[in-house]
């Protein structure tokens, strides 16, 4: 199974259409099975495409480009807060196969639409070999603004069924050498990019001097509640940047058989 996670940085980047073309082409050429997006924006005043998605939605534009390239992906999106004064910011999942059991939920204490530290998560499921796998696109906040990082992790884990294989990918906003990272991993989760191979542990996933971070660190992860063998891994979009984050691409070992029936 091929997985990509990427924080898109809303509409804050220059050459937006070029970036969308680069991301779409990568997904198509690498035949990515599941994509997790964070900071997926749409303009507040744009007309509705299909509630809650509006026309021009960043992830929808990528999905449309993939369709034009001959690749059909199912798309799930929800937003939780305003961003940059004129945008709605959310999370999304793109999947080669049909997404079912879609839901969104808050992990932050704050749930106000007008607070940028509100954290709303999206979750969906896919079927393979008549089994269900859960997918969660994650964007956690750091401790501050009356928020506690560990509480957000605890809220997130309430939505992880230990009896169902779950992939939790996205921007966790904590570095690989932090106590917060240890707190996450101690929830019986596996870091599938690192996966016990030390040479990959410190592969940074964002540019320096973003948010409160001065040094480039690894803050974007693909985690699972079940072990997998990692066949391939790469931090992508570093040479041709499309965001203030880089993408995390992995291929994990399992012979995935996709079905198109609804869950």
Protein backbone atom coordinates (compact mmCIF):
# COMPACT_ATOMS: atom_id res chain seq x y z
CA UNK A 1 0.00 0.00 0.00
CA UNK A 2 1.37 3.38 -1.03
CA UNK A 3 0.65 6.30 1.30
CA UNK A 4 1.31 10.05 1.08
CA UNK A 5 0.71 12.66 3.76
CA UNK A 6 1.16 16.39 3.14
CA UNK A 7 0.27 19.62 4.92
CA UNK A 8 -0.81 21.91 2.06
CA UNK A 9 -0.40 25.25 3.94
CA UNK A 10 -3.82 26.47 2.82
CA UNK A 11 -3.59 29.00 -0.03
CA UNK A 12 -0.52 30.68 1.46
CA UNK A 13 1.97 29.43 -1.14
CA UNK A 14 2.76 31.16 -4.43
CA UNK A 15 2.17 29.45 -7.78
CA UNK A 16 -0.79 27.53 -6.42
CA UNK A 17 -1.83 25.94 -9.70
CA UNK A 18 1.73 24.81 -10.39
CA UNK A 19 1.83 23.22 -6.93
CA UNK A 20 -1.46 21.43 -7.50
CA UNK A 21 -0.14 20.08 -10.81
CA UNK A 22 3.07 18.84 -9.13
CA UNK A 23 1.18 17.11 -6.31
CA UNK A 24 -1.36 15.54 -8.68
CA UNK A 25 1.32 14.29 -11.05
CA UNK A 26 3.25 12.69 -8.18
CA UNK A 27 0.14 10.90 -6.90
CA UNK A 28 -0.66 9.63 -10.40
CA UNK A 29 2.86 8.57 -11.37
CA UNK A 30 3.52 6.82 -8.06
CA UNK A 31 0.01 5.31 -8.05
CA UNK A 32 -0.57 6.34 -4.44
CA UNK A 33 -3.37 4.36 -2.80
CA UNK A 34 -4.27 6.73 0.04
CA UNK A 35 -3.46 10.43 0.53
CA UNK A 36 -3.84 12.34 3.79
CA UNK A 37 -4.00 16.15 3.52
CA UNK A 38 -3.89 18.81 6.25
CA UNK A 39 -4.51 22.57 6.05
CA UNK A 40 -6.84 22.06 3.12
CA UNK A 41 -8.43 25.42 2.33
CA UNK A 42 -11.45 26.74 0.51
CA UNK A 43 -12.55 30.36 0.29
CA UNK A 44 -15.44 31.19 2.61
CA UNK A 45 -17.41 33.03 -0.06
CA UNK A 46 -17.00 30.41 -2.79
CA UNK A 47 -20.17 28.67 -4.01
CA UNK A 48 -20.95 25.26 -2.58
CA UNK A 49 -19.83 22.27 -4.64
CA UNK A 50 -21.18 19.58 -2.35
CA UNK A 51 -21.62 20.42 1.34
CA UNK A 52 -19.24 21.00 3.12
CA UNK A 53 -16.98 21.26 0.05
CA UNK A 54 -16.92 24.52 -1.91
CA UNK A 55 -15.72 25.13 -5.44
CA UNK A 56 -11.97 25.70 -5.59
CA UNK A 57 -11.34 23.54 -2.51
CA UNK A 58 -7.61 22.70 -2.60
CA UNK A 59 -8.06 18.94 -2.30
CA UNK A 60 -10.96 18.93 -4.74
CA UNK A 61 -8.76 20.68 -7.30
CA UNK A 62 -6.16 17.93 -6.90
CA UNK A 63 -8.87 15.28 -7.23
CA UNK A 64 -10.12 16.95 -10.42
CA UNK A 65 -6.61 17.05 -11.86
CA UNK A 66 -6.21 13.35 -11.12
CA UNK A 67 -9.50 12.68 -12.89
CA UNK A 68 -8.18 14.58 -15.92
CA UNK A 69 -5.08 12.37 -15.85
CA UNK A 70 -7.29 9.27 -15.88
CA UNK A 71 -7.17 8.43 -12.17
CA UNK A 72 -10.34 8.28 -10.09
CA UNK A 73 -10.10 8.96 -6.35
CA UNK A 74 -12.78 9.21 -3.71
CA UNK A 75 -12.51 12.42 -1.69
CA UNK A 76 -13.61 13.21 1.86
CA UNK A 77 -13.21 16.64 3.48
CA UNK A 78 -14.38 18.63 6.45
CA UNK A 79 -13.26 21.93 7.94
CA UNK A 80 -13.08 23.13 11.51
CA UNK A 81 -11.92 26.75 11.52
CA UNK A 82 -11.23 29.94 9.64
CA UNK A 83 -7.76 30.74 8.34
CA UNK A 84 -6.15 33.89 6.94
CA UNK A 85 -9.40 35.83 7.36
CA UNK A 86 -11.08 34.57 4.18
CA UNK A 87 -10.58 30.79 4.17
CA UNK A 88 -11.98 27.68 5.81
CA UNK A 89 -9.27 25.23 6.85
CA UNK A 90 -9.80 21.49 7.13
CA UNK A 91 -8.45 18.02 6.52
CA UNK A 92 -9.00 15.51 3.74
CA UNK A 93 -8.50 11.94 2.61
CA UNK A 94 -8.10 10.81 -1.00
CA UNK A 95 -8.47 7.11 -1.75
CA UNK A 96 -8.27 4.95 -4.85
CA UNK A 97 -11.18 2.97 -3.50
CA UNK A 98 -14.51 4.06 -2.10
CA UNK A 99 -14.45 5.67 1.33
CA UNK A 100 -17.11 4.67 3.83
CA UNK A 101 -18.02 5.34 7.48
CA UNK A 102 -16.96 8.97 7.17
CA UNK A 103 -16.87 11.11 10.28
CA UNK A 104 -15.20 14.17 11.73
CA UNK A 105 -14.53 15.03 15.37
CA UNK A 106 -12.76 17.57 17.55
CA UNK A 107 -9.64 16.72 19.55
CA UNK A 108 -9.08 20.24 20.90
CA UNK A 109 -10.83 21.84 23.86
CA UNK A 110 -11.59 24.75 21.55
CA UNK A 111 -14.29 24.11 18.97
CA UNK A 112 -14.94 27.68 17.80
CA UNK A 113 -14.95 28.22 14.05
CA UNK A 114 -13.11 31.54 14.41
CA UNK A 115 -10.14 30.17 16.44
CA UNK A 116 -7.24 28.87 14.38
CA UNK A 117 -6.15 26.47 17.13
CA UNK A 118 -9.42 24.54 16.85
CA UNK A 119 -8.53 21.01 15.76
CA UNK A 120 -11.09 18.92 13.88
CA UNK A 121 -10.03 15.51 12.55
CA UNK A 122 -11.45 13.46 9.66
CA UNK A 123 -11.78 9.69 9.54
CA UNK A 124 -13.01 7.23 6.94
CA UNK A 125 -12.77 3.52 6.15
CA UNK A 126 -11.93 1.35 3.18
CA UNK A 127 -12.46 -2.33 2.45
CA UNK A 128 -9.84 -4.85 1.38
CA UNK A 129 -10.14 -8.63 1.36
CA UNK A 130 -13.52 -8.11 3.03
CA UNK A 131 -11.70 -6.48 5.95
CA UNK A 132 -12.04 -2.87 7.04
CA UNK A 133 -9.13 -0.47 7.55
CA UNK A 134 -9.65 2.90 9.18
CA UNK A 135 -7.91 6.04 7.89
CA UNK A 136 -7.46 9.16 10.01
CA UNK A 137 -6.00 12.43 8.71
CA UNK A 138 -4.38 14.14 11.69
CA UNK A 139 -3.49 17.75 12.48
CA UNK A 140 -2.72 18.29 16.16
CA UNK A 141 -1.91 21.54 17.94
CA UNK A 142 0.84 22.24 20.43
CA UNK A 143 0.30 23.00 24.10
CA UNK A 144 -0.93 26.58 24.54
CA UNK A 145 -4.12 28.68 24.20
CA UNK A 146 -5.58 26.53 27.02
CA UNK A 147 -4.79 23.45 24.92
CA UNK A 148 -2.76 20.45 26.10
CA UNK A 149 -1.11 18.35 23.42
CA UNK A 150 -1.42 15.09 25.35
CA UNK A 151 -5.16 15.67 25.78
CA UNK A 152 -5.52 15.98 22.01
CA UNK A 153 -3.70 12.67 21.59
CA UNK A 154 -6.01 11.06 24.14
CA UNK A 155 -9.07 12.38 22.29
CA UNK A 156 -7.66 11.11 19.00
CA UNK A 157 -7.08 7.63 20.42
CA UNK A 158 -10.73 7.41 21.53
CA UNK A 159 -11.50 7.06 17.81
CA UNK A 160 -9.03 4.22 17.23
CA UNK A 161 -10.58 0.77 17.49
CA UNK A 162 -7.86 -1.63 18.67
CA UNK A 163 -9.59 -4.42 16.75
CA UNK A 164 -9.42 -2.56 13.43
CA UNK A 165 -6.19 -1.78 11.57
CA UNK A 166 -5.88 2.00 11.58
CA UNK A 167 -3.53 4.36 9.71
CA UNK A 168 -3.15 7.78 11.36
CA UNK A 169 -1.17 10.14 9.15
CA UNK A 170 -0.53 13.84 9.17
CA UNK A 171 1.00 16.82 10.93
CA UNK A 172 1.43 16.10 14.64
CA UNK A 173 3.34 19.36 15.30
CA UNK A 174 5.89 17.68 17.60
CA UNK A 175 9.43 16.63 16.75
CA UNK A 176 10.77 13.11 16.73
CA UNK A 177 13.10 13.76 19.69
CA UNK A 178 10.42 15.18 22.00
CA UNK A 179 8.59 13.78 25.01
CA UNK A 180 5.35 14.43 23.10
CA UNK A 181 6.48 12.04 20.36
CA UNK A 182 7.20 9.42 23.00
CA UNK A 183 3.72 9.99 24.42
CA UNK A 184 2.21 9.24 21.01
CA UNK A 185 4.27 6.11 20.38
CA UNK A 186 3.48 4.82 23.86
CA UNK A 187 -0.15 4.59 22.74
CA UNK A 188 0.90 1.33 21.03
CA UNK A 189 1.42 3.04 17.69
CA UNK A 190 4.07 2.25 15.07
CA UNK A 191 6.04 4.95 13.26
CA UNK A 192 5.98 3.46 9.77
CA UNK A 193 8.44 5.88 8.15
CA UNK A 194 11.13 5.28 10.77
CA UNK A 195 10.08 1.69 11.57
CA UNK A 196 13.19 0.90 13.61
CA UNK A 197 15.75 2.01 11.00
CA UNK A 198 17.82 4.69 12.74
CA UNK A 199 19.09 6.40 9.59
CA UNK A 200 15.56 7.66 8.89
CA UNK A 201 14.63 8.84 12.37
CA UNK A 202 15.69 12.48 11.93
CA UNK A 203 14.52 13.05 8.34
CA UNK A 204 12.97 16.51 8.66
CA UNK A 205 9.59 17.19 7.10
CA UNK A 206 9.24 20.98 7.12
CA UNK A 207 11.13 24.17 6.42
CA UNK A 208 12.78 26.00 9.34
CA UNK A 209 11.07 28.94 11.03
CA UNK A 210 7.45 27.90 10.62
CA UNK A 211 4.97 28.58 13.41
CA UNK A 212 6.92 28.36 16.69
CA UNK A 213 9.60 26.09 15.21
CA UNK A 214 13.03 27.49 14.41
CA UNK A 215 14.78 24.28 13.41
CA UNK A 216 13.61 21.86 10.73
CA UNK A 217 12.42 18.65 12.37
CA UNK A 218 10.33 15.57 11.61
CA UNK A 219 6.78 16.47 12.66
CA UNK A 220 4.74 14.70 9.96
CA UNK A 221 4.18 11.00 10.56
CA UNK A 222 2.45 7.91 9.22
CA UNK A 223 1.44 5.84 12.23
CA UNK A 224 -0.46 2.59 12.64
CA UNK A 225 -1.86 0.53 15.48
CA UNK A 226 -0.57 -2.62 13.74
CA UNK A 227 2.98 -3.43 12.55
CA UNK A 228 3.91 -3.35 8.86
CA UNK A 229 7.10 -3.77 6.91
CA UNK A 230 8.17 -0.57 5.16
CA UNK A 231 9.26 -1.34 1.61
CA UNK A 232 9.97 2.21 0.46
CA UNK A 233 10.13 5.66 2.05
CA UNK A 234 10.99 9.19 0.95
CA UNK A 235 10.53 12.78 2.02
CA UNK A 236 9.15 14.33 -1.17
CA UNK A 237 8.66 17.85 -2.59
CA UNK A 238 11.96 19.07 -1.10
CA UNK A 239 13.62 20.07 -4.37
CA UNK A 240 10.47 21.59 -5.82
CA UNK A 241 8.57 22.91 -2.83
CA UNK A 242 4.78 23.00 -2.82
CA UNK A 243 4.23 23.95 0.84
CA UNK A 244 6.11 24.91 3.99
CA UNK A 245 5.94 21.17 4.75
CA UNK A 246 7.39 18.34 2.68
CA UNK A 247 5.44 15.22 1.85
CA UNK A 248 5.98 11.89 3.58
CA UNK A 249 5.69 8.97 1.18
CA UNK A 250 5.88 5.32 2.20
CA UNK A 251 5.00 1.94 0.80
CA UNK A 252 4.10 -0.70 3.36
CA UNK A 253 3.99 -4.42 2.85
CA UNK A 254 0.67 -6.10 2.41
CA UNK A 255 -1.00 -7.38 -0.69
CA UNK A 256 -3.86 -4.93 -0.74
CA UNK A 257 -6.90 -5.92 -2.76
CA UNK A 258 -9.26 -3.02 -3.31
CA UNK A 259 -13.01 -3.37 -3.58
CA UNK A 260 -15.43 -0.79 -4.86
CA UNK A 261 -18.50 -1.82 -2.90
CA UNK A 262 -19.71 0.58 -0.24
CA UNK A 263 -18.88 -0.02 3.40
